[in-house]
Every structure is written in structure tokens, then in C-alpha cells.
C-alpha atoms as a PDB file:
ATOM      1  CA  MET A   1       9.066   1.595 -23.648  1.00  0.00           C
ATOM      2  CA  GLU A   2      10.206  -1.857 -24.840  1.00  0.00           C
ATOM      3  CA  ALA A   3      11.595  -4.046 -22.219  1.00  0.00           C
ATOM      4  CA  ARG A   4      15.280  -4.937 -22.079  1.00  0.00           C
ATOM      5  CA  ILE A   5      16.330  -8.537 -21.859  1.00  0.00           C
ATOM      6  CA  LEU A   6      19.693 -10.100 -21.411  1.00  0.00           C
ATOM      7  CA  VAL A   7      20.231 -13.514 -22.836  1.00  0.00           C
ATOM      8  CA  VAL A   8      23.057 -15.759 -21.077  1.00  0.00           C
ATOM      9  CA  ASP A   9      23.827 -18.910 -22.598  1.00  0.00           C
ATOM     10  CA  ASP A  10      27.162 -20.686 -23.720  1.00  0.00           C
ATOM     11  CA  ASP A  11      25.389 -22.435 -26.694  1.00  0.00           C
ATOM     12  CA  PRO A  12      25.788 -20.022 -29.635  1.00  0.00           C
ATOM     13  CA  GLU A  13      22.739 -21.640 -31.681  1.00  0.00           C
ATOM     14  CA  LEU A  14      20.438 -21.579 -28.699  1.00  0.00           C
ATOM     15  CA  ARG A  15      21.556 -18.054 -27.680  1.00  0.00           C
ATOM     16  CA  GLU A  16      21.083 -16.743 -31.093  1.00  0.00           C
ATOM     17  CA  SER A  17      17.859 -18.502 -31.541  1.00  0.00           C
ATOM     18  CA  LEU A  18      16.406 -17.080 -28.392  1.00  0.00           C
ATOM     19  CA  ALA A  19      17.766 -13.453 -29.156  1.00  0.00           C
ATOM     20  CA  GLU A  20      16.062 -13.641 -32.627  1.00  0.00           C
ATOM     21  CA  VAL A  21      12.782 -14.817 -31.261  1.00  0.00           C
ATOM     22  CA  LEU A  22      12.666 -12.129 -28.533  1.00  0.00           C
ATOM     23  CA  GLN A  23      13.717  -9.372 -31.038  1.00  0.00           C
ATOM     24  CA  GLU A  24      10.854 -10.417 -33.324  1.00  0.00           C
ATOM     25  CA  ALA A  25       8.400 -10.103 -30.284  1.00  0.00           C
ATOM     26  CA  GLY A  26       9.370  -6.558 -29.837  1.00  0.00           C
ATOM     27  CA  PHE A  27      12.069  -6.896 -27.152  1.00  0.00           C
ATOM     28  CA  ALA A  28      15.367  -5.019 -26.913  1.00  0.00           C
ATOM     29  CA  VAL A  29      17.868  -7.968 -26.504  1.00  0.00           C
ATOM     30  CA  THR A  30      21.495  -8.196 -25.528  1.00  0.00           C
ATOM     31  CA  VAL A  31      23.419 -11.512 -25.411  1.00  0.00           C
ATOM     32  CA  ALA A  32      26.335 -12.879 -23.232  1.00  0.00           C
ATOM     33  CA  GLU A  33      28.218 -16.090 -23.700  1.00  0.00           C
ATOM     34  CA  THR A  34      29.257 -16.715 -19.937  1.00  0.00           C
ATOM     35  CA  GLY A  35      28.282 -15.841 -16.511  1.00  0.00           C
ATOM     36  CA  GLU A  36      31.289 -13.469 -16.353  1.00  0.00           C
ATOM     37  CA  ASP A  37      30.310 -11.854 -19.658  1.00  0.00           C
ATOM     38  CA  ALA A  38      26.815 -11.277 -18.081  1.00  0.00           C
ATOM     39  CA  LEU A  39      28.176  -9.514 -15.144  1.00  0.00           C
ATOM     40  CA  CYS A  40      30.011  -7.082 -17.470  1.00  0.00           C
ATOM     41  CA  ARG A  41      26.860  -6.550 -19.423  1.00  0.00           C
ATOM     42  CA  ILE A  42      24.791  -5.799 -16.519  1.00  0.00           C
ATOM     43  CA  ASP A  43      27.417  -2.906 -15.480  1.00  0.00           C
ATOM     44  CA  GLU A  44      26.941  -1.426 -18.859  1.00  0.00           C
ATOM     45  CA  ALA A  45      23.117  -1.025 -19.007  1.00  0.00           C
ATOM     46  CA  PRO A  46      20.024  -1.946 -16.768  1.00  0.00           C
ATOM     47  CA  PHE A  47      17.848  -4.952 -17.851  1.00  0.00           C
ATOM     48  CA  ASP A  48      14.328  -5.623 -17.001  1.00  0.00           C
ATOM     49  CA  LEU A  49      14.820  -9.363 -17.403  1.00  0.00           C
ATOM     50  CA  ILE A  50      17.757 -12.072 -17.826  1.00  0.00           C
ATOM     51  CA  LEU A  51      17.324 -15.378 -19.304  1.00  0.00           C
ATOM     52  CA  LEU A  52      20.112 -17.484 -17.504  1.00  0.00           C
ATOM     53  CA  ASP A  53      21.251 -20.951 -18.483  1.00  0.00           C
ATOM     54  CA  LEU A  54      22.013 -23.256 -15.544  1.00  0.00           C
ATOM     55  CA  MET A  55      24.778 -25.321 -16.981  1.00  0.00           C
ATOM     56  CA  MET A  56      27.738 -23.156 -18.124  1.00  0.00           C
ATOM     57  CA  PRO A  57      31.616 -23.492 -17.903  1.00  0.00           C
ATOM     58  CA  LEU A  58      33.497 -21.747 -15.083  1.00  0.00           C
ATOM     59  CA  LEU A  59      30.793 -19.532 -13.561  1.00  0.00           C
ATOM     60  CA  GLY A  60      27.619 -21.572 -14.003  1.00  0.00           C
ATOM     61  CA  GLY A  61      24.065 -20.038 -13.881  1.00  0.00           C
ATOM     62  CA  MET A  62      23.509 -21.130 -10.127  1.00  0.00           C
ATOM     63  CA  GLU A  63      26.746 -19.371  -9.226  1.00  0.00           C
ATOM     64  CA  ALA A  64      26.222 -16.332 -11.465  1.00  0.00           C
ATOM     65  CA  LEU A  65      22.529 -16.094 -10.113  1.00  0.00           C
ATOM     66  CA  PRO A  66      23.075 -14.144  -6.725  1.00  0.00           C
ATOM     67  CA  LEU A  67      25.806 -11.989  -8.379  1.00  0.00           C
ATOM     68  CA  LEU A  68      23.450 -10.833 -11.078  1.00  0.00           C
ATOM     69  CA  LYS A  69      20.630 -10.362  -8.621  1.00  0.00           C
ATOM     70  CA  LYS A  70      22.988  -8.201  -6.518  1.00  0.00           C
ATOM     71  CA  LYS A  71      23.984  -5.989  -9.360  1.00  0.00           C
ATOM     72  CA  GLY A  72      20.739  -5.719 -11.293  1.00  0.00           C
ATOM     73  CA  ALA A  73      18.185  -5.986  -8.270  1.00  0.00           C
ATOM     74  CA  LYS A  74      15.264  -4.721 -10.440  1.00  0.00           C
ATOM     75  CA  ALA A  75      15.869  -7.354 -13.199  1.00  0.00           C
ATOM     76  CA  ARG A  76      13.616 -10.449 -13.233  1.00  0.00           C
ATOM     77  CA  ILE A  77      15.708 -13.646 -13.723  1.00  0.00           C
ATOM     78  CA  ILE A  78      14.606 -16.753 -15.441  1.00  0.00           C
ATOM     79  CA  MET A  79      16.663 -19.764 -15.006  1.00  0.00           C
ATOM     80  CA  ILE A  80      16.899 -22.096 -18.117  1.00  0.00           C
ATOM     81  CA  THR A  81      17.479 -25.749 -16.952  1.00  0.00           C
ATOM     82  CA  ALA A  82      17.128 -29.286 -18.423  1.00  0.00           C
ATOM     83  CA  PHE A  83      16.499 -30.484 -14.822  1.00  0.00           C
ATOM     84  CA  SER A  84      12.919 -29.934 -14.064  1.00  0.00           C
ATOM     85  CA  THR A  85      12.754 -30.794 -10.368  1.00  0.00           C
ATOM     86  CA  VAL A  86      11.187 -29.104  -7.448  1.00  0.00           C
ATOM     87  CA  GLU A  87      14.563 -29.326  -5.795  1.00  0.00           C
ATOM     88  CA  VAL A  88      16.411 -27.443  -8.640  1.00  0.00           C
ATOM     89  CA  ALA A  89      13.650 -24.892  -8.802  1.00  0.00           C
ATOM     90  CA  VAL A  90      13.734 -24.330  -5.035  1.00  0.00           C
ATOM     91  CA  GLU A  91      17.328 -23.881  -4.883  1.00  0.00           C
ATOM     92  CA  ALA A  92      17.345 -21.422  -7.962  1.00  0.00           C
ATOM     93  CA  MET A  93      14.412 -19.256  -6.267  1.00  0.00           C
ATOM     94  CA  ARG A  94      16.393 -19.088  -2.868  1.00  0.00           C
ATOM     95  CA  LYS A  95      19.352 -17.792  -4.824  1.00  0.00           C
ATOM     96  CA  GLY A  96      17.207 -15.125  -6.478  1.00  0.00           C
ATOM     97  CA  ALA A  97      15.536 -16.511  -9.483  1.00  0.00           C
ATOM     98  CA  ASP A  98      12.025 -15.269 -10.192  1.00  0.00           C
ATOM     99  CA  ASP A  99      11.049 -18.312 -12.506  1.00  0.00           C
ATOM    100  CA  TYR A 100      12.383 -20.980 -14.724  1.00  0.00           C
ATOM    101  CA  LEU A 101      12.055 -22.681 -17.954  1.00  0.00           C
ATOM    102  CA  SER A 102      12.723 -26.354 -18.545  1.00  0.00           C
ATOM    103  CA  LYS A 103      14.329 -27.580 -21.903  1.00  0.00           C
ATOM    104  CA  PRO A 104      13.150 -28.257 -24.283  1.00  0.00           C
ATOM    105  CA  PHE A 105      10.499 -25.600 -24.496  1.00  0.00           C
ATOM    106  CA  LYS A 106       8.265 -24.119 -27.167  1.00  0.00           C
ATOM    107  CA  VAL A 107       8.581 -20.676 -28.411  1.00  0.00           C
ATOM    108  CA  SER A 108       5.008 -19.898 -27.010  1.00  0.00           C
ATOM    109  CA  ASP A 109       6.152 -21.061 -23.621  1.00  0.00           C
ATOM    110  CA  LEU A 110       9.283 -18.878 -23.771  1.00  0.00           C
ATOM    111  CA  LEU A 111       7.183 -15.741 -24.750  1.00  0.00           C
ATOM    112  CA  MET A 112       4.440 -16.442 -22.387  1.00  0.00           C
ATOM    113  CA  THR A 113       6.987 -16.743 -19.452  1.00  0.00           C
ATOM    114  CA  VAL A 114       8.892 -13.675 -20.442  1.00  0.00           C
ATOM    115  CA  ARG A 115       5.715 -11.507 -20.767  1.00  0.00           C
ATOM    116  CA  ARG A 116       4.233 -12.968 -17.375  1.00  0.00           C
ATOM    117  CA  ASN A 117       7.572 -11.977 -15.688  1.00  0.00           C
ATOM    118  CA  ILE A 118       7.598  -8.539 -17.155  1.00  0.00           C
ATOM    119  CA  GLU A 119       3.836  -8.115 -16.046  1.00  0.00           C
ATOM    120  CA  GLU A 120       5.007  -9.436 -12.664  1.00  0.00           C
ATOM    121  CA  ALA A 121       7.617  -6.729 -12.370  1.00  0.00           C
ATOM    122  CA  ARG A 122       5.274  -4.122 -12.923  1.00  0.00           C
ATOM    123  CA  PHE A 123       3.038  -5.748 -10.257  1.00  0.00           C
ATOM    124  CA  ARG A 124       5.868  -5.286  -7.946  1.00  0.00           C
ATOM    125  CA  ALA A 125       6.599  -1.757  -8.809  1.00  0.00           C
ATOM    126  CA  CYS A 126       2.886  -1.109  -7.703  1.00  0.00           C
ATOM    127  CA  ARG A 127       3.693  -2.289  -4.157  1.00  0.00           C
ATOM    128  CA  PRO A 128       4.766   0.904  -2.784  1.00  0.00           C
ATOM    129  CA  VAL A 129       1.730   2.749  -3.963  1.00  0.00           C
ATOM    130  CA  LEU A 130      -0.690   0.073  -2.704  1.00  0.00           C
ATOM    131  CA  ASP A 131       1.210  -0.100   0.592  1.00  0.00           C
ATOM    132  CA  MET A 132       1.155  -4.017   0.733  1.00  0.00           C
ATOM    133  CA  ASP A 133       2.377  -5.977   3.647  1.00  0.00           C
ATOM    134  CA  ASP A 134       4.648  -9.231   3.630  1.00  0.00           C
ATOM    135  CA  THR A 135       1.663 -11.479   2.784  1.00  0.00           C
ATOM    136  CA  PHE A 136       1.505 -10.167  -0.747  1.00  0.00           C
ATOM    137  CA  ASN A 137       5.178 -11.140  -1.790  1.00  0.00           C
ATOM    138  CA  SER A 138       3.552 -14.433  -2.597  1.00  0.00           C
ATOM    139  CA  LEU A 139       1.345 -12.685  -5.117  1.00  0.00           C
ATOM    140  CA  SER A 140       4.017 -11.269  -7.218  1.00  0.00           C
ATOM    141  CA  ASN A 141       3.717 -14.314  -9.401  1.00  0.00           C
ATOM    142  CA  THR A 142       0.842 -14.564 -12.016  1.00  0.00           C
ATOM    143  CA  ILE A 143       0.406 -18.275 -11.810  1.00  0.00           C
ATOM    144  CA  ARG A 144       0.058 -18.160  -7.873  1.00  0.00           C
ATOM    145  CA  ARG A 145      -2.597 -15.286  -8.461  1.00  0.00           C
ATOM    146  CA  GLU A 146      -4.353 -17.407 -11.015  1.00  0.00           C
ATOM    147  CA  ILE A 147      -4.490 -20.299  -8.591  1.00  0.00           C
ATOM    148  CA  LEU A 148      -5.927 -18.275  -5.947  1.00  0.00           C
ATOM    149  CA  LEU A 149      -8.637 -17.147  -8.194  1.00  0.00           C
ATOM    150  CA  LEU A 150      -9.224 -20.896  -9.158  1.00  0.00           C
ATOM    151  CA  GLY A 151      -9.464 -21.674  -5.499  1.00  0.00           C
ATOM    152  CA  ALA A 152     -12.238 -19.048  -4.851  1.00  0.00           C
ATOM    153  CA  ARG A 153     -14.676 -21.441  -6.443  1.00  0.00           C
ATOM    154  CA  GLU A 154     -17.084 -23.555  -4.109  1.00  0.00           C
ATOM    155  CA  GLU A 155     -15.686 -26.810  -4.777  1.00  0.00           C
ATOM    156  CA  PRO A 156     -12.112 -27.884  -3.771  1.00  0.00           C
ATOM    157  CA  LEU A 157      -9.851 -28.600  -6.649  1.00  0.00           C
ATOM    158  CA  LYS A 158      -7.673 -31.559  -7.347  1.00  0.00           C
ATOM    159  CA  PHE A 159      -4.111 -31.023  -8.432  1.00  0.00           C
ATOM    160  CA  MET A 160      -4.765 -31.954 -12.004  1.00  0.00           C
ATOM    161  CA  ASP A 161      -7.919 -29.803 -12.180  1.00  0.00           C
ATOM    162  CA  ILE A 162      -5.619 -26.978 -11.432  1.00  0.00           C
ATOM    163  CA  VAL A 163      -3.053 -27.849 -14.059  1.00  0.00           C
ATOM    164  CA  ARG A 164      -5.654 -28.291 -16.851  1.00  0.00           C
ATOM    165  CA  GLN A 165      -7.546 -24.953 -15.803  1.00  0.00           C
ATOM    166  CA  LEU A 166      -4.231 -23.058 -15.762  1.00  0.00           C
ATOM    167  CA  GLY A 167      -2.934 -24.541 -19.092  1.00  0.00           C
ATOM    168  CA  VAL A 168       0.654 -24.916 -17.751  1.00  0.00           C
ATOM    169  CA  ALA A 169       2.288 -28.058 -19.238  1.00  0.00           C
ATOM    170  CA  ASP A 170       4.919 -28.182 -16.510  1.00  0.00           C
ATOM    171  CA  HIS A 171       3.531 -29.886 -13.596  1.00  0.00           C
ATOM    172  CA  THR A 172       6.578 -29.359 -11.373  1.00  0.00           C
ATOM    173  CA  LYS A 173       6.006 -25.522 -11.671  1.00  0.00           C
ATOM    174  CA  VAL A 174       2.231 -25.920 -10.600  1.00  0.00           C
ATOM    175  CA  ASN A 175       3.471 -27.925  -7.403  1.00  0.00           C
ATOM    176  CA  PHE A 176       6.164 -25.360  -6.690  1.00  0.00           C
ATOM    177  CA  HIS A 177       3.692 -22.485  -6.649  1.00  0.00           C
ATOM    178  CA  LEU A 178       1.036 -24.485  -4.655  1.00  0.00           C
ATOM    179  CA  ARG A 179       3.733 -25.128  -2.045  1.00  0.00           C
ATOM    180  CA  ILE A 180       4.513 -21.351  -1.877  1.00  0.00           C
ATOM    181  CA  LEU A 181       0.863 -20.611  -1.384  1.00  0.00           C
ATOM    182  CA  LYS A 182       0.440 -23.324   1.259  1.00  0.00           C
ATOM    183  CA  GLU A 183       3.624 -21.978   3.210  1.00  0.00           C
ATOM    184  CA  ALA A 184       2.057 -18.361   3.044  1.00  0.00           C
ATOM    185  CA  GLY A 185      -1.193 -19.779   4.541  1.00  0.00           C
ATOM    186  CA  LEU A 186      -3.218 -18.944   1.646  1.00  0.00           C
ATOM    187  CA  MET A 187      -4.221 -22.437   0.448  1.00  0.00           C
ATOM    188  CA  ARG A 188      -4.874 -25.660   2.181  1.00  0.00           C
ATOM    189  CA  ARG A 189      -4.903 -29.313   1.072  1.00  0.00           C
ATOM    190  CA  ASP A 190      -7.372 -31.787   2.762  1.00  0.00           C
ATOM    191  CA  GLU A 191      -7.145 -35.592   3.325  1.00  0.00           C
ATOM    192  CA  HIS A 192      -8.378 -36.145  -0.064  1.00  0.00           C
ATOM    193  CA  LYS A 193      -5.486 -34.027  -1.727  1.00  0.00           C
ATOM    194  CA  ARG A 194      -7.759 -31.305  -2.821  1.00  0.00           C
ATOM    195  CA  TYR A 195      -6.884 -27.659  -2.568  1.00  0.00           C
ATOM    196  CA  SER A 196      -9.067 -24.864  -1.245  1.00  0.00           C
ATOM    197  CA  LEU A 197      -8.523 -21.274   0.050  1.00  0.00           C
ATOM    198  CA  THR A 198      -7.846 -20.665   3.603  1.00  0.00           C
ATOM    199  CA  ALA A 199      -9.764 -17.784   5.375  1.00  0.00           C
ATOM    200  CA  GLU A 200      -6.878 -15.491   4.747  1.00  0.00           C
ATOM    201  CA  GLY A 201      -6.588 -16.660   1.184  1.00  0.00           C
ATOM    202  CA  GLN A 202     -10.334 -15.655   0.707  1.00  0.00           C
ATOM    203  CA  LYS A 203      -9.604 -12.269   2.021  1.00  0.00           C
ATOM    204  CA  ILE A 204      -6.618 -11.741  -0.541  1.00  0.00           C
ATOM    205  CA  VAL A 205      -8.785 -12.847  -3.411  1.00  0.00           C
ATOM    206  CA  GLU A 206     -11.337 -10.186  -2.401  1.00  0.00           C
ATOM    207  CA  TYR A 207      -8.585  -7.627  -2.328  1.00  0.00           C
ATOM    208  CA  LEU A 208      -7.239  -8.866  -5.780  1.00  0.00           C
ATOM    209  CA  ARG A 209     -10.888  -8.549  -7.277  1.00  0.00           C
ATOM    210  CA  MET A 210     -11.308  -5.041  -5.773  1.00  0.00           C
ATOM    211  CA  MET A 211      -7.892  -3.815  -6.993  1.00  0.00           C
ATOM    212  CA  ALA A 212      -8.674  -5.274 -10.674  1.00  0.00           C
ATOM    213  CA  GLU A 213     -12.074  -3.279 -10.411  1.00  0.00           C
ATOM    214  CA  HIS A 214     -10.090  -0.313  -9.575  1.00  0.00           C
ATOM    215  CA  LEU A 215      -7.323  -0.478 -12.013  1.00  0.00           C
ATOM    216  CA  SER A 216     -10.140  -1.047 -14.936  1.00  0.00           C
ATOM    217  CA  GLU A 217     -11.952   2.179 -13.950  1.00  0.00           C
END
């Protein structure tokens, strides 16, 4: 079943361009011009993912975010912003965003982010079956799982080593996910600013590998 995506942006040219790209990629797309319009759309039908612009008149993206999250709790929300800072990202995540895209972005980055979040939604759906505890909330993001797997290597990694090996152009995003992993007690940074797994992080990586082997059988 194709994923349903709601595109919310007051810029008609960008809105239609996003819809066209996503439709060509095989997604079912609905558009909304404002935050208020988005709230009406989400009442009409469920969505798997919402692309939400930060800067809009009247009900802006940051204000609409918790309202959309409340109405469409199962939908992943990606904030589209021209302000790529950790502070903006953290505020958006606290209000319910699952990810963000910084303008201007490439079509390849858009599709990669959308597909990753749809994959993460499926990962979350597995949680009741796998009986995961609160520690695994930090693993619902693909980038964080990839960082943990990189950390499983013997030598500690510098920040730019992680960025290069992930292939993520947005350094702010990598910094944000590293912070989440450190706060969860899964990774640590030494006096030389190199990152490695904690003992708990090593256990989590072993579990991820075991789960991957199980799902591939």
C-alpha cells in the first residue's frame, strides 16, 4: 500500500513541485496551503507523513505542529525550514516533529528523508511486538541506528568521520542525533572529541544485529 503524504506550504510553486516529485516517486499526495487547511485535511483522511513548512502566515508551522501531531498521532512530521540550527531543530522535535529538511534541498535529499521516515514509522509499529523498553525510543531514527553501528567499530570516531561515513550533508542534523544518543547514555565523547559506544550502547548494537538477522530469515 502506497504511503499517504500531506504537503503543507503557502508557496504555491514549491507546494506543487513537492507534490509532483512525491507523486512521481509513487506516493499518494494531498496538499494544503495553510496550517488551518492542514488541520482540516487531517480530519478528512489519515496520513503516514506530513511535510510542514515552518514559515507560514497566521498559523505557522511551529504553532500547527502540536495540533497536527495531536490529530494525526500516527503521522510522521518533517519540518521544512530555512533556519538550520540545533535550537530550531530541538524546538521542533519537542513540539512533535520527527525530522526536518533545510532549504534549499535537493530532490534526492527530500526523497531520502521521506523514505527514511516511512521506514522509521514501520520500525515504531514493531515496538509492541518486540516489547521494547524506553531506551529504544532513541532508536526510532535511522540515522541514530547507523551512528550506533559505526560506533561499534574498534577505534573511536571523530565528528567529521561520522558525517562522511553517513553521507549526510547537514552537519547540524548529525550533531543533533549524536546529542540524543549521548543523552540516552548510548554514546560518549572523550577528551579528544572522539565518539564511541557506552556499555549500554554496545548491548543495543548487539540487539539490533540480532533483530536484523531474525527479520532476514
